[in-house]
């Protein structure tokens, strides 16, 4: 997923003693938010200490995760953190980074394959609009189950084929039933595509 656009390798970011980050590609000072955005865009970068030339990319990425977690964007559940901490110093510690990286790669591939399968199943057909609604409903359903989200928060989930205003009048039971039915149909379609 790493990509570089202008140069032949990762963008070099220098961190100075005053904690400022300098992007050597754009010749400008940046923030951790800029680095987080670069990461989401798939841009590869390397952060080095301006004085010692030491590679501190790992420390900076960990700092970005900590800031995201503090803002309420929690993705790392407490049991996972406890398990991860318990692996430090364990005889299996050397295997953990490779396992976590492979697991995340697999998760991302499966997520992309599912999205592509659903979108491709309806491309250039009269059902394209329905597929878009189904994806929106699926994303709304997964967002509802993310840690820290409140039940009923955000946009209501429309029923397939129903106008957006009808979703505001539907009861929670109807919405849940519609979600379950639609997820079942999507699962069937994905299984058929995989056969």
N, C-alpha and C. Protein backbone atom coordinates (compact mmCIF):
# COMPACT_ATOMS: atom_id res chain seq x y z
N UNK A 1 0.81 -1.19 0.00
CA UNK A 1 0.00 0.00 0.00
C UNK A 1 0.86 1.25 0.00
N UNK A 2 2.16 1.08 0.14
CA UNK A 2 3.02 2.24 0.14
C UNK A 2 3.12 2.78 -1.27
N UNK A 3 3.02 4.12 -1.38
CA UNK A 3 3.20 4.72 -2.69
C UNK A 3 3.93 6.03 -2.53
N UNK A 4 4.75 6.31 -3.48
CA UNK A 4 5.43 7.60 -3.52
C UNK A 4 5.10 8.20 -4.86
N UNK A 5 4.85 9.47 -4.88
CA UNK A 5 4.45 10.10 -6.13
C UNK A 5 5.61 10.86 -6.76
N UNK A 6 6.09 11.97 -6.15
CA UNK A 6 7.10 12.74 -6.83
C UNK A 6 8.50 12.12 -6.83
N UNK A 7 8.95 11.55 -5.72
CA UNK A 7 10.32 11.08 -5.63
C UNK A 7 10.47 9.59 -5.83
N UNK A 8 11.71 9.13 -5.69
CA UNK A 8 12.01 7.71 -5.84
C UNK A 8 12.16 7.05 -4.49
N UNK A 9 11.28 7.16 -3.62
CA UNK A 9 11.39 6.55 -2.31
C UNK A 9 10.54 7.30 -1.32
N UNK A 10 10.70 6.94 -0.06
CA UNK A 10 9.88 7.60 0.95
C UNK A 10 10.24 9.08 1.10
N UNK A 11 9.25 9.87 1.45
CA UNK A 11 9.47 11.29 1.72
C UNK A 11 10.24 11.37 3.03
N UNK A 12 11.27 12.20 3.07
CA UNK A 12 12.04 12.36 4.29
C UNK A 12 11.47 13.52 5.10
N UNK A 13 11.16 13.21 6.35
CA UNK A 13 10.66 14.20 7.30
C UNK A 13 11.73 14.34 8.38
N UNK A 14 12.15 15.56 8.65
CA UNK A 14 13.15 15.79 9.69
C UNK A 14 12.47 16.35 10.94
N UNK A 15 12.83 15.78 12.07
CA UNK A 15 12.30 16.27 13.34
C UNK A 15 13.41 17.02 14.06
N UNK A 16 13.11 18.27 14.38
CA UNK A 16 14.10 19.11 15.04
C UNK A 16 13.90 19.08 16.55
N UNK A 17 14.89 19.59 17.26
CA UNK A 17 14.88 19.58 18.73
C UNK A 17 13.67 20.33 19.29
N UNK A 18 13.19 21.33 18.56
CA UNK A 18 12.02 22.09 19.02
C UNK A 18 10.71 21.34 18.73
N UNK A 19 10.82 20.07 18.37
CA UNK A 19 9.68 19.17 18.10
C UNK A 19 8.97 19.49 16.78
N UNK A 20 9.53 20.36 15.97
CA UNK A 20 8.91 20.68 14.69
C UNK A 20 9.32 19.64 13.66
N UNK A 21 8.39 19.36 12.77
CA UNK A 21 8.60 18.39 11.70
C UNK A 21 8.73 19.13 10.37
N UNK A 22 9.75 18.79 9.60
CA UNK A 22 10.02 19.49 8.34
C UNK A 22 9.96 18.50 7.19
N UNK A 23 9.06 18.74 6.24
CA UNK A 23 8.91 17.90 5.05
C UNK A 23 9.91 18.37 4.01
N UNK A 24 10.91 17.53 3.72
CA UNK A 24 11.96 17.94 2.77
C UNK A 24 11.45 17.95 1.32
N UNK A 25 10.35 17.26 1.05
CA UNK A 25 9.80 17.24 -0.30
C UNK A 25 9.10 18.56 -0.63
N UNK A 26 8.34 19.09 0.33
CA UNK A 26 7.60 20.33 0.09
C UNK A 26 8.30 21.55 0.68
N UNK A 27 9.42 21.33 1.37
CA UNK A 27 10.17 22.40 2.04
C UNK A 27 9.26 23.23 2.95
N UNK A 28 8.52 22.52 3.79
CA UNK A 28 7.61 23.20 4.71
C UNK A 28 7.51 22.43 6.01
N UNK A 29 7.15 23.18 7.06
CA UNK A 29 6.92 22.54 8.35
C UNK A 29 5.52 21.94 8.35
N UNK A 30 5.40 20.78 8.98
CA UNK A 30 4.12 20.07 9.01
C UNK A 30 3.83 19.63 10.45
N UNK A 31 2.66 19.06 10.62
CA UNK A 31 2.24 18.58 11.94
C UNK A 31 2.03 17.07 11.89
N UNK A 32 1.75 16.50 13.05
CA UNK A 32 1.43 15.07 13.10
C UNK A 32 0.16 14.78 12.29
N UNK A 33 -0.78 15.75 12.25
CA UNK A 33 -2.00 15.56 11.46
C UNK A 33 -1.67 15.40 9.98
N UNK A 34 -0.66 16.16 9.50
CA UNK A 34 -0.24 16.02 8.11
C UNK A 34 0.32 14.61 7.86
N UNK A 35 1.10 14.12 8.81
CA UNK A 35 1.66 12.77 8.66
C UNK A 35 0.55 11.72 8.69
N UNK A 36 -0.45 11.92 9.54
CA UNK A 36 -1.58 10.99 9.58
C UNK A 36 -2.30 11.00 8.24
N UNK A 37 -2.49 12.19 7.65
CA UNK A 37 -3.16 12.29 6.34
C UNK A 37 -2.31 11.61 5.27
N UNK A 38 -1.00 11.79 5.31
CA UNK A 38 -0.12 11.13 4.34
C UNK A 38 -0.24 9.61 4.45
N UNK A 39 -0.33 9.12 5.68
CA UNK A 39 -0.46 7.68 5.92
C UNK A 39 -1.76 7.17 5.32
N UNK A 40 -2.86 7.90 5.55
CA UNK A 40 -4.16 7.48 5.00
C UNK A 40 -4.15 7.49 3.47
N UNK A 41 -3.37 8.39 2.88
CA UNK A 41 -3.27 8.48 1.42
C UNK A 41 -2.33 7.42 0.85
N UNK A 42 -1.64 6.70 1.72
CA UNK A 42 -0.71 5.66 1.26
C UNK A 42 0.67 6.19 0.93
N UNK A 43 0.96 7.44 1.30
CA UNK A 43 2.30 8.01 1.05
C UNK A 43 3.29 7.40 2.03
N UNK A 44 4.42 7.00 1.53
CA UNK A 44 5.47 6.43 2.37
C UNK A 44 6.38 7.56 2.82
N UNK A 45 6.73 7.56 4.09
CA UNK A 45 7.65 8.58 4.60
C UNK A 45 8.54 7.98 5.66
N UNK A 46 9.65 8.66 5.88
CA UNK A 46 10.62 8.26 6.88
C UNK A 46 10.92 9.49 7.71
N UNK A 47 10.81 9.36 9.04
CA UNK A 47 11.09 10.48 9.92
C UNK A 47 12.45 10.25 10.55
N UNK A 48 13.32 11.25 10.40
CA UNK A 48 14.65 11.13 11.00
C UNK A 48 14.89 12.30 11.96
N UNK A 49 15.67 12.02 12.99
CA UNK A 49 16.07 13.07 13.92
C UNK A 49 17.07 13.95 13.18
N UNK A 50 16.80 15.26 13.13
CA UNK A 50 17.64 16.18 12.35
C UNK A 50 19.08 16.22 12.86
N UNK A 51 19.28 16.02 14.16
CA UNK A 51 20.63 16.12 14.72
C UNK A 51 21.39 14.79 14.60
N UNK A 52 20.78 13.69 15.03
CA UNK A 52 21.48 12.41 15.08
C UNK A 52 21.32 11.58 13.81
N UNK A 53 20.39 11.97 12.93
CA UNK A 53 20.09 11.22 11.69
C UNK A 53 19.47 9.85 11.99
N UNK A 54 19.05 9.62 13.24
CA UNK A 54 18.43 8.35 13.63
C UNK A 54 17.02 8.26 13.05
N UNK A 55 16.64 7.07 12.58
CA UNK A 55 15.29 6.84 12.06
C UNK A 55 14.34 6.72 13.24
N UNK A 56 13.39 7.66 13.33
CA UNK A 56 12.44 7.66 14.45
C UNK A 56 11.00 7.50 13.94
N UNK A 57 10.85 6.92 12.76
CA UNK A 57 9.53 6.74 12.16
C UNK A 57 8.60 5.97 13.09
N UNK A 58 9.08 4.89 13.70
CA UNK A 58 8.27 4.07 14.59
C UNK A 58 7.72 4.91 15.74
N UNK A 59 8.57 5.72 16.35
CA UNK A 59 8.14 6.56 17.48
C UNK A 59 7.06 7.55 17.04
N UNK A 60 7.23 8.15 15.87
CA UNK A 60 6.28 9.15 15.39
C UNK A 60 4.94 8.49 15.05
N UNK A 61 4.97 7.32 14.42
CA UNK A 61 3.71 6.62 14.11
C UNK A 61 2.99 6.22 15.39
N UNK A 62 3.74 5.79 16.40
CA UNK A 62 3.14 5.45 17.69
C UNK A 62 2.52 6.69 18.33
N UNK A 63 3.19 7.83 18.18
CA UNK A 63 2.66 9.08 18.72
C UNK A 63 1.36 9.47 18.02
N UNK A 64 1.28 9.26 16.71
CA UNK A 64 0.05 9.56 15.96
C UNK A 64 -1.09 8.70 16.47
N UNK A 65 -0.82 7.41 16.68
CA UNK A 65 -1.85 6.50 17.20
C UNK A 65 -2.32 6.97 18.57
N UNK A 66 -1.39 7.34 19.43
CA UNK A 66 -1.76 7.80 20.78
C UNK A 66 -2.64 9.04 20.71
N UNK A 67 -2.31 9.97 19.82
CA UNK A 67 -3.13 11.18 19.70
C UNK A 67 -4.53 10.86 19.18
N UNK A 68 -4.63 9.95 18.20
CA UNK A 68 -5.94 9.54 17.68
C UNK A 68 -6.76 8.88 18.79
N UNK A 69 -6.12 8.03 19.58
CA UNK A 69 -6.82 7.35 20.67
C UNK A 69 -7.30 8.35 21.72
N UNK A 70 -6.49 9.37 22.00
CA UNK A 70 -6.87 10.37 23.00
C UNK A 70 -8.02 11.25 22.52
N UNK A 71 -8.16 11.39 21.19
CA UNK A 71 -9.25 12.19 20.64
C UNK A 71 -10.57 11.43 20.62
N UNK A 72 -10.56 10.20 21.06
CA UNK A 72 -11.79 9.42 21.07
C UNK A 72 -11.92 8.51 19.88
N UNK A 73 -10.91 8.46 19.02
CA UNK A 73 -10.93 7.57 17.86
C UNK A 73 -10.38 6.21 18.25
N UNK A 74 -10.94 5.62 19.30
CA UNK A 74 -10.37 4.39 19.84
C UNK A 74 -10.62 3.20 18.93
N UNK A 75 -9.54 2.55 18.55
CA UNK A 75 -9.63 1.31 17.77
C UNK A 75 -8.95 0.17 18.51
N UNK A 76 -8.19 0.50 19.52
CA UNK A 76 -7.44 -0.52 20.25
C UNK A 76 -8.14 -0.81 21.57
N UNK A 77 -8.91 -1.89 21.64
CA UNK A 77 -9.63 -2.21 22.87
C UNK A 77 -8.66 -2.57 24.00
N UNK A 78 -9.09 -2.32 25.21
CA UNK A 78 -8.26 -2.55 26.39
C UNK A 78 -7.74 -4.00 26.45
N UNK A 79 -8.58 -5.04 26.21
CA UNK A 79 -8.04 -6.40 26.25
C UNK A 79 -6.90 -6.61 25.24
N UNK A 80 -7.02 -6.03 24.06
CA UNK A 80 -5.96 -6.15 23.06
C UNK A 80 -4.68 -5.49 23.56
N UNK A 81 -4.81 -4.28 24.14
CA UNK A 81 -3.64 -3.58 24.65
C UNK A 81 -2.97 -4.38 25.76
N UNK A 82 -3.78 -4.97 26.65
CA UNK A 82 -3.22 -5.79 27.72
C UNK A 82 -2.46 -6.99 27.16
N UNK A 83 -3.04 -7.65 26.14
CA UNK A 83 -2.37 -8.80 25.53
C UNK A 83 -1.07 -8.37 24.85
N UNK A 84 -1.12 -7.24 24.18
CA UNK A 84 0.06 -6.75 23.49
C UNK A 84 1.18 -6.43 24.48
N UNK A 85 0.83 -5.75 25.57
CA UNK A 85 1.82 -5.42 26.60
C UNK A 85 2.40 -6.68 27.20
N UNK A 86 1.56 -7.69 27.42
CA UNK A 86 2.05 -8.93 28.03
C UNK A 86 3.03 -9.68 27.12
N UNK A 87 3.02 -9.37 25.82
CA UNK A 87 3.93 -10.05 24.90
C UNK A 87 5.35 -9.47 24.94
N UNK A 88 5.52 -8.25 25.48
CA UNK A 88 6.86 -7.68 25.60
C UNK A 88 7.67 -8.54 26.55
N UNK A 89 8.83 -8.96 26.10
CA UNK A 89 9.69 -9.80 26.93
C UNK A 89 9.36 -11.28 26.84
N UNK A 90 8.26 -11.62 26.20
CA UNK A 90 7.86 -13.02 26.03
C UNK A 90 8.73 -13.65 24.96
N UNK A 91 8.88 -14.96 25.02
CA UNK A 91 9.70 -15.66 24.02
C UNK A 91 9.11 -15.54 22.62
N UNK A 92 7.83 -15.26 22.51
CA UNK A 92 7.17 -15.14 21.21
C UNK A 92 7.16 -13.69 20.69
N UNK A 93 7.78 -12.77 21.41
CA UNK A 93 7.73 -11.36 21.06
C UNK A 93 8.19 -11.11 19.62
N UNK A 94 9.20 -11.79 19.16
CA UNK A 94 9.73 -11.56 17.81
C UNK A 94 8.72 -11.90 16.72
N UNK A 95 7.77 -12.77 17.03
CA UNK A 95 6.79 -13.18 16.02
C UNK A 95 5.60 -12.23 15.94
N UNK A 96 5.36 -11.45 16.99
CA UNK A 96 4.18 -10.60 17.06
C UNK A 96 4.12 -9.56 15.94
N UNK A 97 5.20 -8.79 15.66
CA UNK A 97 5.09 -7.78 14.61
C UNK A 97 4.69 -8.35 13.25
N UNK A 98 5.30 -9.47 12.87
CA UNK A 98 4.96 -10.10 11.59
C UNK A 98 3.52 -10.58 11.56
N UNK A 99 3.07 -11.15 12.68
CA UNK A 99 1.69 -11.62 12.76
C UNK A 99 0.70 -10.47 12.65
N UNK A 100 0.96 -9.37 13.38
CA UNK A 100 0.06 -8.22 13.33
C UNK A 100 0.04 -7.61 11.93
N UNK A 101 1.20 -7.51 11.30
CA UNK A 101 1.26 -6.94 9.96
C UNK A 101 0.49 -7.80 8.96
N UNK A 102 0.67 -9.12 9.03
CA UNK A 102 -0.05 -10.03 8.14
C UNK A 102 -1.55 -9.98 8.39
N UNK A 103 -1.95 -9.87 9.64
CA UNK A 103 -3.38 -9.79 9.98
C UNK A 103 -4.00 -8.52 9.42
N UNK A 104 -3.31 -7.39 9.55
CA UNK A 104 -3.84 -6.13 9.03
C UNK A 104 -3.90 -6.15 7.50
N UNK A 105 -2.88 -6.72 6.87
CA UNK A 105 -2.90 -6.83 5.40
C UNK A 105 -4.08 -7.67 4.94
N UNK A 106 -4.32 -8.78 5.63
CA UNK A 106 -5.44 -9.66 5.29
C UNK A 106 -6.76 -8.94 5.50
N UNK A 107 -6.89 -8.21 6.61
CA UNK A 107 -8.11 -7.47 6.89
C UNK A 107 -8.37 -6.44 5.79
N UNK A 108 -7.35 -5.70 5.40
CA UNK A 108 -7.51 -4.67 4.37
C UNK A 108 -7.89 -5.30 3.02
N UNK A 109 -7.25 -6.41 2.67
CA UNK A 109 -7.59 -7.10 1.40
C UNK A 109 -9.04 -7.57 1.42
N UNK A 110 -9.46 -8.19 2.51
CA UNK A 110 -10.84 -8.68 2.61
C UNK A 110 -11.84 -7.54 2.55
N UNK A 111 -11.51 -6.44 3.21
CA UNK A 111 -12.39 -5.27 3.20
C UNK A 111 -12.53 -4.74 1.77
N UNK A 112 -11.41 -4.63 1.05
CA UNK A 112 -11.43 -4.11 -0.31
C UNK A 112 -12.14 -5.09 -1.26
N UNK A 113 -11.90 -6.39 -1.10
CA UNK A 113 -12.54 -7.39 -1.95
C UNK A 113 -14.06 -7.36 -1.75
N UNK A 114 -14.50 -7.23 -0.51
CA UNK A 114 -15.93 -7.19 -0.24
C UNK A 114 -16.56 -5.97 -0.91
N UNK A 115 -15.91 -4.82 -0.73
CA UNK A 115 -16.43 -3.59 -1.31
C UNK A 115 -16.45 -3.68 -2.83
N UNK A 116 -15.38 -4.19 -3.43
CA UNK A 116 -15.31 -4.32 -4.88
C UNK A 116 -16.35 -5.30 -5.40
N UNK A 117 -16.55 -6.40 -4.68
CA UNK A 117 -17.53 -7.41 -5.11
C UNK A 117 -18.93 -6.83 -5.12
N UNK A 118 -19.26 -6.10 -4.07
CA UNK A 118 -20.61 -5.52 -3.98
C UNK A 118 -20.80 -4.46 -5.06
N UNK A 119 -19.78 -3.59 -5.22
CA UNK A 119 -19.90 -2.54 -6.23
C UNK A 119 -19.90 -3.14 -7.64
N UNK A 120 -19.04 -4.14 -7.88
CA UNK A 120 -18.94 -4.75 -9.20
C UNK A 120 -20.17 -5.56 -9.58
N UNK A 121 -20.84 -6.11 -8.58
CA UNK A 121 -22.01 -6.94 -8.86
C UNK A 121 -23.13 -6.12 -9.49
N UNK A 122 -23.15 -4.84 -9.21
CA UNK A 122 -24.25 -4.01 -9.71
C UNK A 122 -23.80 -2.93 -10.69
N UNK A 123 -22.53 -2.92 -11.05
CA UNK A 123 -22.03 -1.87 -11.95
C UNK A 123 -22.76 -1.93 -13.28
N UNK A 124 -23.09 -0.78 -13.79
CA UNK A 124 -23.75 -0.62 -15.09
C UNK A 124 -25.06 -1.40 -15.18
N UNK A 125 -25.78 -1.45 -14.09
CA UNK A 125 -27.07 -2.13 -14.11
C UNK A 125 -28.10 -1.23 -13.44
N UNK A 126 -29.39 -1.57 -13.60
CA UNK A 126 -30.41 -0.76 -12.94
C UNK A 126 -30.31 -0.83 -11.42
N UNK A 127 -29.55 -1.79 -10.92
CA UNK A 127 -29.43 -1.96 -9.47
C UNK A 127 -28.26 -1.18 -8.89
N UNK A 128 -27.58 -0.37 -9.71
CA UNK A 128 -26.41 0.37 -9.23
C UNK A 128 -26.78 1.29 -8.07
N UNK A 129 -27.91 1.98 -8.18
CA UNK A 129 -28.32 2.89 -7.11
C UNK A 129 -28.66 2.12 -5.84
N UNK A 130 -29.29 0.97 -6.00
CA UNK A 130 -29.60 0.13 -4.85
C UNK A 130 -28.31 -0.35 -4.18
N UNK A 131 -27.31 -0.69 -4.99
CA UNK A 131 -26.04 -1.13 -4.43
C UNK A 131 -25.39 -0.02 -3.61
N UNK A 132 -25.48 1.21 -4.11
CA UNK A 132 -24.92 2.34 -3.36
C UNK A 132 -25.64 2.50 -2.03
N UNK A 133 -26.96 2.36 -2.05
CA UNK A 133 -27.73 2.45 -0.80
C UNK A 133 -27.34 1.34 0.15
N UNK A 134 -27.15 0.14 -0.39
CA UNK A 134 -26.78 -1.00 0.45
C UNK A 134 -25.41 -0.77 1.09
N UNK A 135 -24.46 -0.23 0.31
CA UNK A 135 -23.14 0.05 0.87
C UNK A 135 -23.23 1.11 1.95
N UNK A 136 -24.04 2.13 1.73
CA UNK A 136 -24.22 3.17 2.74
C UNK A 136 -24.82 2.58 4.00
N UNK A 137 -25.78 1.70 3.82
CA UNK A 137 -26.42 1.06 4.97
C UNK A 137 -25.43 0.16 5.71
N UNK A 138 -24.61 -0.58 4.95
CA UNK A 138 -23.61 -1.45 5.55
C UNK A 138 -22.59 -0.62 6.34
N UNK A 139 -22.13 0.49 5.75
CA UNK A 139 -21.17 1.35 6.44
C UNK A 139 -21.79 1.96 7.69
N UNK A 140 -23.07 2.35 7.60
CA UNK A 140 -23.75 2.90 8.78
C UNK A 140 -23.87 1.84 9.87
N UNK A 141 -24.14 0.60 9.46
CA UNK A 141 -24.27 -0.48 10.44
C UNK A 141 -22.94 -0.77 11.11
N UNK A 142 -21.84 -0.79 10.34
CA UNK A 142 -20.54 -1.05 10.95
C UNK A 142 -20.12 0.11 11.83
N UNK A 143 -20.49 1.33 11.44
CA UNK A 143 -20.14 2.49 12.28
C UNK A 143 -20.87 2.42 13.62
N UNK A 144 -22.08 1.87 13.61
CA UNK A 144 -22.86 1.79 14.84
C UNK A 144 -22.23 0.84 15.85
N UNK A 145 -21.42 -0.11 15.36
CA UNK A 145 -20.81 -1.08 16.26
C UNK A 145 -19.39 -0.72 16.64
N UNK A 146 -18.88 0.43 16.17
CA UNK A 146 -17.54 0.85 16.55
C UNK A 146 -17.54 1.26 18.01
N UNK A 147 -16.43 1.00 18.73
CA UNK A 147 -16.36 1.41 20.13
C UNK A 147 -16.51 2.92 20.24
N UNK A 148 -17.26 3.34 21.25
CA UNK A 148 -17.43 4.76 21.49
C UNK A 148 -18.62 5.38 20.79
N UNK A 149 -19.22 4.65 19.85
CA UNK A 149 -20.39 5.22 19.17
C UNK A 149 -21.62 4.97 20.03
N UNK A 150 -22.53 5.91 19.96
CA UNK A 150 -23.74 5.78 20.76
C UNK A 150 -24.87 5.22 19.91
N UNK A 151 -25.70 4.37 20.48
CA UNK A 151 -26.82 3.85 19.73
C UNK A 151 -27.70 4.99 19.26
N UNK A 152 -28.09 4.92 18.01
CA UNK A 152 -28.99 5.92 17.45
C UNK A 152 -28.28 7.18 17.02
N UNK A 153 -26.94 7.26 17.25
CA UNK A 153 -26.22 8.46 16.84
C UNK A 153 -26.00 8.44 15.35
N UNK A 154 -25.88 9.62 14.76
CA UNK A 154 -25.60 9.69 13.33
C UNK A 154 -26.86 9.64 12.51
N UNK A 155 -26.69 9.35 11.23
CA UNK A 155 -27.81 9.34 10.32
C UNK A 155 -28.62 8.07 10.47
N UNK A 156 -29.92 8.14 10.31
CA UNK A 156 -30.71 6.92 10.34
C UNK A 156 -30.40 6.08 9.11
N UNK A 157 -30.60 4.78 9.24
CA UNK A 157 -30.31 3.86 8.15
C UNK A 157 -31.57 3.67 7.31
N UNK A 158 -31.51 4.07 6.02
CA UNK A 158 -32.69 3.92 5.19
C UNK A 158 -32.94 2.47 4.81
N UNK A 159 -34.21 2.11 4.66
CA UNK A 159 -34.54 0.78 4.17
C UNK A 159 -34.34 0.76 2.68
N UNK A 160 -33.91 -0.38 2.08
CA UNK A 160 -33.72 -0.44 0.65
C UNK A 160 -34.99 -0.04 -0.09
N UNK A 161 -34.83 0.87 -1.07
CA UNK A 161 -35.95 1.29 -1.89
C UNK A 161 -36.84 2.32 -1.23
N UNK A 162 -36.59 2.65 0.04
CA UNK A 162 -37.44 3.63 0.73
C UNK A 162 -36.82 5.00 0.60
N UNK A 163 -37.64 6.04 0.47
CA UNK A 163 -37.08 7.39 0.43
C UNK A 163 -36.40 7.70 1.76
N UNK A 164 -35.42 8.62 1.71
CA UNK A 164 -34.64 8.93 2.91
C UNK A 164 -35.53 9.39 4.06
N UNK A 165 -36.62 10.10 3.79
CA UNK A 165 -37.47 10.59 4.86
C UNK A 165 -38.22 9.45 5.56
N UNK A 166 -38.42 8.34 4.88
CA UNK A 166 -39.14 7.22 5.49
C UNK A 166 -38.32 6.59 6.61
N UNK A 167 -36.97 6.67 6.51
CA UNK A 167 -36.12 6.06 7.53
C UNK A 167 -36.31 6.75 8.88
N UNK A 168 -36.64 8.04 8.85
CA UNK A 168 -36.80 8.74 10.12
C UNK A 168 -38.05 8.29 10.86
N UNK A 169 -39.02 7.72 10.14
CA UNK A 169 -40.26 7.28 10.76
C UNK A 169 -40.25 5.79 11.11
N UNK A 170 -39.27 5.06 10.61
CA UNK A 170 -39.22 3.61 10.86
C UNK A 170 -38.81 3.36 12.30
N UNK A 171 -39.37 2.33 12.88
CA UNK A 171 -39.00 1.98 14.25
C UNK A 171 -37.64 1.30 14.24
N UNK A 172 -37.03 1.22 15.40
CA UNK A 172 -35.71 0.59 15.50
C UNK A 172 -35.80 -0.88 15.10
N UNK A 173 -36.89 -1.54 15.45
CA UNK A 173 -37.04 -2.95 15.08
C UNK A 173 -37.07 -3.11 13.56
N UNK A 174 -37.77 -2.22 12.87
CA UNK A 174 -37.82 -2.28 11.42
C UNK A 174 -36.43 -2.06 10.83
N UNK A 175 -35.70 -1.10 11.39
CA UNK A 175 -34.35 -0.82 10.89
C UNK A 175 -33.44 -2.02 11.10
N UNK A 176 -33.52 -2.63 12.27
CA UNK A 176 -32.68 -3.80 12.56
C UNK A 176 -33.04 -4.95 11.64
N UNK A 177 -34.33 -5.19 11.45
CA UNK A 177 -34.76 -6.27 10.56
C UNK A 177 -34.29 -6.00 9.14
N UNK A 178 -34.41 -4.76 8.69
CA UNK A 178 -33.98 -4.41 7.33
C UNK A 178 -32.47 -4.60 7.18
N UNK A 179 -31.72 -4.21 8.21
CA UNK A 179 -30.27 -4.40 8.17
C UNK A 179 -29.90 -5.87 8.09
N UNK A 180 -30.54 -6.68 8.94
CA UNK A 180 -30.24 -8.11 8.93
C UNK A 180 -30.58 -8.74 7.59
N UNK A 181 -31.72 -8.38 7.05
CA UNK A 181 -32.14 -8.95 5.76
C UNK A 181 -31.19 -8.51 4.65
N UNK A 182 -30.82 -7.24 4.65
CA UNK A 182 -29.95 -6.74 3.60
C UNK A 182 -28.55 -7.31 3.71
N UNK A 183 -28.03 -7.42 4.93
CA UNK A 183 -26.72 -8.04 5.11
C UNK A 183 -26.75 -9.51 4.68
N UNK A 184 -27.84 -10.19 4.94
CA UNK A 184 -27.98 -11.58 4.49
C UNK A 184 -27.95 -11.67 2.97
N UNK A 185 -28.68 -10.75 2.30
CA UNK A 185 -28.67 -10.74 0.83
C UNK A 185 -27.28 -10.42 0.29
N UNK A 186 -26.61 -9.46 0.91
CA UNK A 186 -25.26 -9.11 0.46
C UNK A 186 -24.30 -10.28 0.66
N UNK A 187 -24.42 -10.97 1.77
CA UNK A 187 -23.58 -12.12 2.04
C UNK A 187 -23.80 -13.21 0.98
N UNK A 188 -25.07 -13.46 0.63
CA UNK A 188 -25.38 -14.45 -0.41
C UNK A 188 -24.74 -14.07 -1.73
N UNK A 189 -24.83 -12.79 -2.09
CA UNK A 189 -24.25 -12.32 -3.36
C UNK A 189 -22.75 -12.47 -3.37
N UNK A 190 -22.10 -12.14 -2.23
CA UNK A 190 -20.65 -12.26 -2.15
C UNK A 190 -20.24 -13.73 -2.27
N UNK A 191 -20.98 -14.62 -1.63
CA UNK A 191 -20.68 -16.04 -1.71
C UNK A 191 -20.83 -16.55 -3.13
N UNK A 192 -21.86 -16.09 -3.85
CA UNK A 192 -22.07 -16.50 -5.24
C UNK A 192 -20.93 -16.00 -6.12
N UNK A 193 -20.46 -14.76 -5.86
CA UNK A 193 -19.36 -14.22 -6.65
C UNK A 193 -18.08 -15.00 -6.41
N UNK A 194 -17.89 -15.47 -5.19
CA UNK A 194 -16.68 -16.22 -4.85
C UNK A 194 -16.68 -17.64 -5.37
N UNK A 195 -17.84 -18.16 -5.77
CA UNK A 195 -17.90 -19.56 -6.24
C UNK A 195 -17.47 -19.68 -7.68
